Each structure stands twice: as C-alpha cells, then as structure tokens.
Protein backbone atom coordinates (compact mmCIF):
# COMPACT_ATOMS: atom_id res chain seq x y z
CA MET A 1 105.96 98.92 78.37
CA ARG A 2 109.54 97.84 79.01
CA HIS A 3 110.48 98.76 75.44
CA LEU A 4 108.96 102.24 75.81
CA VAL A 5 110.74 102.89 79.11
CA GLN A 6 114.04 101.58 77.68
CA THR A 7 113.67 103.84 74.62
CA VAL A 8 113.13 106.88 76.87
CA ARG A 9 116.08 105.81 79.03
CA ASN A 10 118.31 105.47 75.95
CA GLY A 11 117.41 108.92 74.59
CA LEU A 12 116.92 110.96 77.76
CA GLY A 13 118.80 109.11 80.49
CA ASP A 14 118.02 107.05 83.57
CA ARG A 15 116.75 109.91 85.73
CA ALA A 16 114.40 111.26 83.05
CA SER A 17 112.91 107.81 82.52
CA THR A 18 111.57 107.96 86.09
CA CYS A 19 109.41 110.95 85.07
CA ILE A 20 107.13 108.91 82.80
CA ASP A 21 104.23 106.65 83.74
CA PRO A 22 102.93 104.56 80.82
CA ALA A 23 99.59 102.79 81.18
CA VAL A 24 97.35 100.76 78.89
CA GLN A 25 93.77 101.99 78.59
CA ILE A 26 90.76 101.20 76.44
CA VAL A 27 89.61 104.28 74.53
CA GLN A 28 86.56 103.98 72.26
CA GLY A 29 87.01 100.22 72.14
CA ARG A 30 90.72 100.38 71.23
CA THR A 31 93.72 99.59 73.38
CA VAL A 32 96.09 102.56 73.61
CA CYS A 33 99.17 103.41 75.60
CA VAL A 34 98.75 106.62 77.58
CA VAL A 35 101.98 108.13 78.87
CA SER A 36 101.82 110.64 81.71
CA CYS A 37 104.92 112.81 82.04
CA GLN A 38 106.03 114.64 85.15
CA ARG A 39 108.06 117.82 84.92
CA SER A 40 111.76 117.10 85.39
CA PRO A 41 113.45 118.83 88.33
CA GLU A 42 116.62 119.15 86.24
CA PRO A 43 117.53 119.86 82.60
CA VAL A 44 117.22 116.87 80.26
CA TYR A 45 119.08 116.63 76.96
CA LEU A 46 118.07 114.34 74.10
CA LYS A 47 120.85 112.13 72.75
CA TRP A 48 119.55 109.98 69.93
CA LYS A 49 121.72 107.71 67.78
CA GLY A 50 124.37 110.37 67.17
CA VAL A 51 122.07 112.78 65.31
CA GLU A 52 122.04 115.47 68.01
CA ALA A 53 123.35 118.90 66.98
CA SER A 54 125.38 119.46 70.17
CA PRO A 55 127.88 117.07 71.78
CA GLU A 56 126.02 117.22 75.13
CA GLY A 57 122.70 116.52 73.37
CA ASP A 58 119.80 118.68 72.21
CA PHE A 59 117.61 120.67 74.60
CA TYR A 60 113.92 121.05 73.74
CA VAL A 61 111.14 123.14 75.25
CA ARG A 62 107.40 122.97 74.71
CA SER A 63 105.90 125.71 72.55
CA GLY A 64 102.14 125.38 72.38
CA PRO A 65 101.34 121.93 71.00
CA GLY A 66 104.89 121.29 69.77
CA SER A 67 108.51 121.13 70.86
CA VAL A 68 111.32 123.46 69.79
CA ARG A 69 115.05 122.70 69.92
CA LEU A 70 116.92 125.56 71.52
CA ALA A 71 120.35 126.61 70.30
CA PRO A 72 123.06 125.98 72.95
CA ASP A 73 123.24 129.66 74.05
CA SER A 74 119.45 129.91 74.34
CA ALA A 75 119.30 126.58 76.16
CA ARG A 76 121.88 127.72 78.73
CA GLU A 77 119.92 130.92 79.40
CA TYR A 78 116.62 129.04 79.67
CA ILE A 79 118.18 126.50 82.05
CA ARG A 80 119.74 129.27 84.14
CA THR A 81 116.36 130.97 84.64
CA ARG A 82 114.14 127.84 84.80
CA PHE A 83 116.22 125.56 87.03
CA SER A 84 118.07 128.00 89.29
CA PRO A 85 116.82 128.43 92.88
CA GLY A 86 113.98 130.94 92.83
CA GLY A 87 113.88 130.77 89.01
C-alpha cells in the first residue's frame, strides 16, 4: 500500500495522493487491491519521469471508460470552467 501511495504521490503530487483510498479485498477467492478515488477539488497534472508533453505536466480527463490527455489550451479552458467558482 505504501508503494502505491508513493507512486501516486510521485506522479500526481502530495495533495492528489490524499484523494485515494487503497484497500485489500478478497474477490472470488483472490486478493486484490481496490482503489477508491475521490474527485480532486483542484486541477491535478501528471508528471511522470520526464515524459510529459508540457513542462507543467499533462492534464487528463475521463472520457467514458478511458482517459484523454488534453492539449494545454484545452486543459486551461476545461480547468477554467470546471474549477472556477460556480463552474
């Protein structure tokens, strides 16, 4: 569990790591790690081993069952509308 939380902290930052809650459960006789994620109250950028496309990191949004990296201009607009008061 510590390794998982540290990996999230390394890629997403200290504040984002507080939004996850990993737990071990038995599912159909197998031990699995189930991670519950809370919505972040602020934008979170992924910085991973220097492979990010933007210097500030990459911004992803959920799209159906997957995640999509937004270009910097699109990310700024999304953040402006999603995280602004009343947005």
